[in-house]
Amino acid sequence: MKLSSQIKPISYLKAHASELIRKLSEQQEPLIITQNGEAKVVIQDIKSYERQQETMALLKILALGNRQIEEGKVRTVSGAIQAIREHRKHRR
């Protein structure tokens, strides 16, 4: 993805909104909108946005797991199974 080809001024967005939306859906690449020559917003199609959000959620889960490992908040598989069994036994 080459971002330099995906930069348009806000005036272009106003004049070509439906065309840009169609292209965003087809190309699935973000579009940078500028105002007074300065990058202001990024627009992207919904499928790409959803994929990005899913990726971010997975990265957060991985980061949390890594932090828990660093803090020593881990159990062996047999220890985890034993804790589950004890928890279930006390619930009865």
N, C-alpha and C. Protein backbone atom coordinates (compact mmCIF):
# COMPACT_ATOMS: atom_id res chain seq x y z
N MET A 1 0.85 -1.17 0.00
CA MET A 1 0.00 0.00 0.00
C MET A 1 0.90 1.24 0.00
N LYS A 2 0.69 2.09 -0.95
CA LYS A 2 1.46 3.32 -1.06
C LYS A 2 0.56 4.48 -0.66
N LEU A 3 0.80 5.04 0.52
CA LEU A 3 -0.08 6.08 1.05
C LEU A 3 -0.06 7.35 0.21
N SER A 4 1.04 7.64 -0.46
CA SER A 4 1.12 8.88 -1.22
C SER A 4 0.06 8.94 -2.32
N SER A 5 -0.36 7.81 -2.82
CA SER A 5 -1.41 7.80 -3.85
C SER A 5 -2.80 7.85 -3.22
N GLN A 6 -2.88 7.77 -1.92
CA GLN A 6 -4.16 7.74 -1.22
C GLN A 6 -4.39 9.02 -0.40
N ILE A 7 -3.90 10.14 -0.90
CA ILE A 7 -4.07 11.42 -0.21
C ILE A 7 -4.89 12.35 -1.11
N LYS A 8 -5.96 12.88 -0.55
CA LYS A 8 -6.83 13.78 -1.30
C LYS A 8 -7.23 14.97 -0.41
N PRO A 9 -7.41 16.14 -1.01
CA PRO A 9 -7.88 17.29 -0.23
C PRO A 9 -9.37 17.14 0.09
N ILE A 10 -9.80 17.85 1.10
CA ILE A 10 -11.20 17.77 1.52
C ILE A 10 -12.14 18.22 0.40
N SER A 11 -11.70 19.13 -0.44
CA SER A 11 -12.53 19.58 -1.56
C SER A 11 -12.81 18.42 -2.53
N TYR A 12 -11.83 17.55 -2.72
CA TYR A 12 -12.02 16.38 -3.58
C TYR A 12 -13.04 15.44 -2.96
N LEU A 13 -12.97 15.25 -1.65
CA LEU A 13 -13.94 14.41 -0.95
C LEU A 13 -15.35 14.96 -1.14
N LYS A 14 -15.51 16.26 -0.98
CA LYS A 14 -16.83 16.88 -1.13
C LYS A 14 -17.39 16.68 -2.53
N ALA A 15 -16.54 16.81 -3.53
CA ALA A 15 -16.99 16.73 -4.92
C ALA A 15 -17.15 15.31 -5.43
N HIS A 16 -16.46 14.34 -4.82
CA HIS A 16 -16.44 12.97 -5.34
C HIS A 16 -16.74 11.92 -4.27
N ALA A 17 -17.59 12.24 -3.32
CA ALA A 17 -17.84 11.35 -2.18
C ALA A 17 -18.28 9.95 -2.61
N SER A 18 -19.27 9.85 -3.48
CA SER A 18 -19.78 8.51 -3.85
C SER A 18 -18.71 7.70 -4.58
N GLU A 19 -17.94 8.35 -5.44
CA GLU A 19 -16.86 7.66 -6.15
C GLU A 19 -15.79 7.17 -5.18
N LEU A 20 -15.42 8.01 -4.22
CA LEU A 20 -14.42 7.62 -3.23
C LEU A 20 -14.90 6.45 -2.38
N ILE A 21 -16.15 6.47 -1.98
CA ILE A 21 -16.70 5.36 -1.18
C ILE A 21 -16.65 4.06 -1.97
N ARG A 22 -17.00 4.12 -3.25
CA ARG A 22 -16.93 2.92 -4.09
C ARG A 22 -15.49 2.41 -4.18
N LYS A 23 -14.55 3.31 -4.41
CA LYS A 23 -13.14 2.91 -4.52
C LYS A 23 -12.62 2.34 -3.21
N LEU A 24 -13.00 2.95 -2.10
CA LEU A 24 -12.57 2.45 -0.79
C LEU A 24 -13.04 1.01 -0.59
N SER A 25 -14.28 0.74 -0.97
CA SER A 25 -14.83 -0.61 -0.82
C SER A 25 -14.10 -1.60 -1.72
N GLU A 26 -13.78 -1.18 -2.92
CA GLU A 26 -13.11 -2.08 -3.87
C GLU A 26 -11.64 -2.32 -3.50
N GLN A 27 -10.92 -1.23 -3.22
CA GLN A 27 -9.48 -1.31 -3.00
C GLN A 27 -9.12 -1.71 -1.57
N GLN A 28 -10.00 -1.45 -0.65
CA GLN A 28 -9.79 -1.74 0.76
C GLN A 28 -8.46 -1.17 1.27
N GLU A 29 -8.20 0.07 0.86
CA GLU A 29 -7.04 0.81 1.34
C GLU A 29 -7.53 2.11 1.95
N PRO A 30 -6.91 2.59 3.00
CA PRO A 30 -7.36 3.83 3.62
C PRO A 30 -7.09 5.04 2.73
N LEU A 31 -7.84 6.10 2.96
CA LEU A 31 -7.68 7.35 2.24
C LEU A 31 -7.42 8.45 3.25
N ILE A 32 -6.38 9.23 3.01
CA ILE A 32 -6.03 10.34 3.89
C ILE A 32 -6.62 11.62 3.30
N ILE A 33 -7.37 12.34 4.13
CA ILE A 33 -7.97 13.59 3.70
C ILE A 33 -7.19 14.75 4.33
N THR A 34 -6.84 15.71 3.49
CA THR A 34 -6.09 16.87 3.98
C THR A 34 -7.00 18.10 4.02
N GLN A 35 -6.64 19.00 4.90
CA GLN A 35 -7.31 20.29 4.99
C GLN A 35 -6.23 21.35 5.13
N ASN A 36 -6.23 22.31 4.24
CA ASN A 36 -5.18 23.34 4.22
C ASN A 36 -3.79 22.72 4.13
N GLY A 37 -3.67 21.64 3.34
CA GLY A 37 -2.39 20.99 3.12
C GLY A 37 -1.90 20.10 4.24
N GLU A 38 -2.69 19.94 5.28
CA GLU A 38 -2.30 19.14 6.43
C GLU A 38 -3.21 17.91 6.55
N ALA A 39 -2.63 16.75 6.78
CA ALA A 39 -3.42 15.53 6.96
C ALA A 39 -4.32 15.68 8.18
N LYS A 40 -5.62 15.41 8.01
CA LYS A 40 -6.58 15.60 9.10
C LYS A 40 -7.29 14.32 9.50
N VAL A 41 -7.72 13.52 8.53
CA VAL A 41 -8.47 12.30 8.85
C VAL A 41 -8.08 11.17 7.90
N VAL A 42 -8.39 9.97 8.35
CA VAL A 42 -8.21 8.77 7.53
C VAL A 42 -9.57 8.12 7.38
N ILE A 43 -9.94 7.78 6.15
CA ILE A 43 -11.21 7.11 5.89
C ILE A 43 -10.87 5.71 5.37
N GLN A 44 -11.66 4.73 5.80
CA GLN A 44 -11.46 3.38 5.29
C GLN A 44 -12.80 2.67 5.20
N ASP A 45 -12.83 1.60 4.40
CA ASP A 45 -14.07 0.84 4.24
C ASP A 45 -14.34 0.04 5.51
N ILE A 46 -15.58 -0.36 5.70
CA ILE A 46 -16.00 -1.01 6.95
C ILE A 46 -15.33 -2.38 7.15
N LYS A 47 -15.14 -3.13 6.08
CA LYS A 47 -14.51 -4.45 6.23
C LYS A 47 -13.08 -4.32 6.73
N SER A 48 -12.34 -3.37 6.18
CA SER A 48 -10.97 -3.15 6.63
C SER A 48 -10.96 -2.67 8.08
N TYR A 49 -11.90 -1.80 8.42
CA TYR A 49 -12.00 -1.30 9.80
C TYR A 49 -12.27 -2.44 10.77
N GLU A 50 -13.20 -3.32 10.43
CA GLU A 50 -13.52 -4.45 11.30
C GLU A 50 -12.33 -5.39 11.45
N ARG A 51 -11.62 -5.65 10.35
CA ARG A 51 -10.41 -6.50 10.43
C ARG A 51 -9.37 -5.85 11.33
N GLN A 52 -9.22 -4.54 11.20
CA GLN A 52 -8.24 -3.82 12.01
C GLN A 52 -8.63 -3.90 13.50
N GLN A 53 -9.90 -3.75 13.80
CA GLN A 53 -10.36 -3.83 15.19
C GLN A 53 -10.14 -5.23 15.77
N GLU A 54 -10.41 -6.27 14.96
CA GLU A 54 -10.16 -7.64 15.41
C GLU A 54 -8.68 -7.87 15.67
N THR A 55 -7.85 -7.35 14.79
CA THR A 55 -6.39 -7.47 14.96
C THR A 55 -5.94 -6.78 16.23
N MET A 56 -6.48 -5.58 16.47
CA MET A 56 -6.11 -4.85 17.69
C MET A 56 -6.55 -5.62 18.94
N ALA A 57 -7.73 -6.22 18.90
CA ALA A 57 -8.20 -6.99 20.05
C ALA A 57 -7.28 -8.17 20.32
N LEU A 58 -6.86 -8.87 19.26
CA LEU A 58 -5.95 -10.00 19.43
C LEU A 58 -4.60 -9.54 19.97
N LEU A 59 -4.10 -8.41 19.48
CA LEU A 59 -2.83 -7.89 19.98
C LEU A 59 -2.92 -7.50 21.46
N LYS A 60 -4.07 -6.97 21.87
CA LYS A 60 -4.26 -6.63 23.28
C LYS A 60 -4.25 -7.89 24.13
N ILE A 61 -4.90 -8.95 23.64
CA ILE A 61 -4.91 -10.22 24.37
C ILE A 61 -3.49 -10.77 24.50
N LEU A 62 -2.73 -10.71 23.41
CA LEU A 62 -1.33 -11.18 23.46
C LEU A 62 -0.50 -10.35 24.42
N ALA A 63 -0.68 -9.04 24.40
CA ALA A 63 0.07 -8.18 25.31
C ALA A 63 -0.28 -8.49 26.76
N LEU A 64 -1.56 -8.71 27.03
CA LEU A 64 -1.99 -9.06 28.39
C LEU A 64 -1.36 -10.39 28.81
N GLY A 65 -1.37 -11.36 27.91
CA GLY A 65 -0.75 -12.65 28.21
C GLY A 65 0.73 -12.52 28.49
N ASN A 66 1.42 -11.74 27.68
CA ASN A 66 2.86 -11.53 27.89
C ASN A 66 3.12 -10.85 29.23
N ARG A 67 2.28 -9.87 29.57
CA ARG A 67 2.45 -9.18 30.85
C ARG A 67 2.23 -10.15 32.01
N GLN A 68 1.23 -11.01 31.90
CA GLN A 68 0.98 -11.98 32.95
C GLN A 68 2.13 -12.97 33.09
N ILE A 69 2.73 -13.34 31.97
CA ILE A 69 3.90 -14.23 32.02
C ILE A 69 5.05 -13.53 32.73
N GLU A 70 5.31 -12.27 32.36
CA GLU A 70 6.40 -11.51 32.99
C GLU A 70 6.18 -11.35 34.48
N GLU A 71 4.92 -11.21 34.91
CA GLU A 71 4.61 -11.03 36.33
C GLU A 71 4.51 -12.37 37.07
N GLY A 72 4.72 -13.46 36.36
CA GLY A 72 4.68 -14.77 36.99
C GLY A 72 3.28 -15.26 37.29
N LYS A 73 2.30 -14.68 36.66
CA LYS A 73 0.90 -15.09 36.89
C LYS A 73 0.52 -16.20 35.91
N VAL A 74 1.23 -17.30 36.04
CA VAL A 74 0.98 -18.44 35.14
C VAL A 74 0.83 -19.72 35.96
N ARG A 75 0.19 -20.68 35.36
CA ARG A 75 0.04 -22.00 35.98
C ARG A 75 0.39 -23.06 34.96
N THR A 76 0.78 -24.19 35.46
CA THR A 76 0.96 -25.34 34.57
C THR A 76 -0.43 -25.82 34.18
N VAL A 77 -0.51 -26.61 33.13
CA VAL A 77 -1.80 -27.15 32.70
C VAL A 77 -2.40 -27.99 33.82
N SER A 78 -1.59 -28.83 34.45
CA SER A 78 -2.12 -29.68 35.52
C SER A 78 -2.58 -28.84 36.71
N GLY A 79 -1.89 -27.75 37.00
CA GLY A 79 -2.30 -26.86 38.08
C GLY A 79 -3.62 -26.16 37.76
N ALA A 80 -3.79 -25.76 36.52
CA ALA A 80 -5.03 -25.11 36.11
C ALA A 80 -6.20 -26.08 36.18
N ILE A 81 -5.98 -27.31 35.72
CA ILE A 81 -7.04 -28.33 35.78
C ILE A 81 -7.42 -28.61 37.23
N GLN A 82 -6.44 -28.71 38.09
CA GLN A 82 -6.71 -28.96 39.50
C GLN A 82 -7.51 -27.80 40.11
N ALA A 83 -7.18 -26.57 39.79
CA ALA A 83 -7.91 -25.41 40.31
C ALA A 83 -9.35 -25.41 39.83
N ILE A 84 -9.57 -25.80 38.58
CA ILE A 84 -10.93 -25.87 38.04
C ILE A 84 -11.73 -26.95 38.77
N ARG A 85 -11.11 -28.10 38.98
CA ARG A 85 -11.79 -29.18 39.70
C ARG A 85 -12.16 -28.76 41.12
N GLU A 86 -11.24 -28.10 41.80
CA GLU A 86 -11.53 -27.63 43.17
C GLU A 86 -12.66 -26.60 43.18
N HIS A 87 -12.63 -25.72 42.22
CA HIS A 87 -13.67 -24.69 42.11
C HIS A 87 -15.04 -25.34 41.89
N ARG A 88 -15.09 -26.34 41.01
CA ARG A 88 -16.35 -27.04 40.72
C ARG A 88 -16.84 -27.82 41.93
N LYS A 89 -15.89 -28.41 42.68
CA LYS A 89 -16.25 -29.19 43.86
C LYS A 89 -16.87 -28.29 44.92
N HIS A 90 -16.37 -27.08 45.09
CA HIS A 90 -16.89 -26.17 46.11
C HIS A 90 -18.23 -25.57 45.72
N ARG A 91 -18.54 -25.54 44.44
CA ARG A 91 -19.82 -24.99 43.96
C ARG A 91 -20.98 -25.94 44.20
N ARG A 92 -20.71 -27.20 44.38
CA ARG A 92 -21.78 -28.19 44.54
C ARG A 92 -22.40 -28.14 45.88
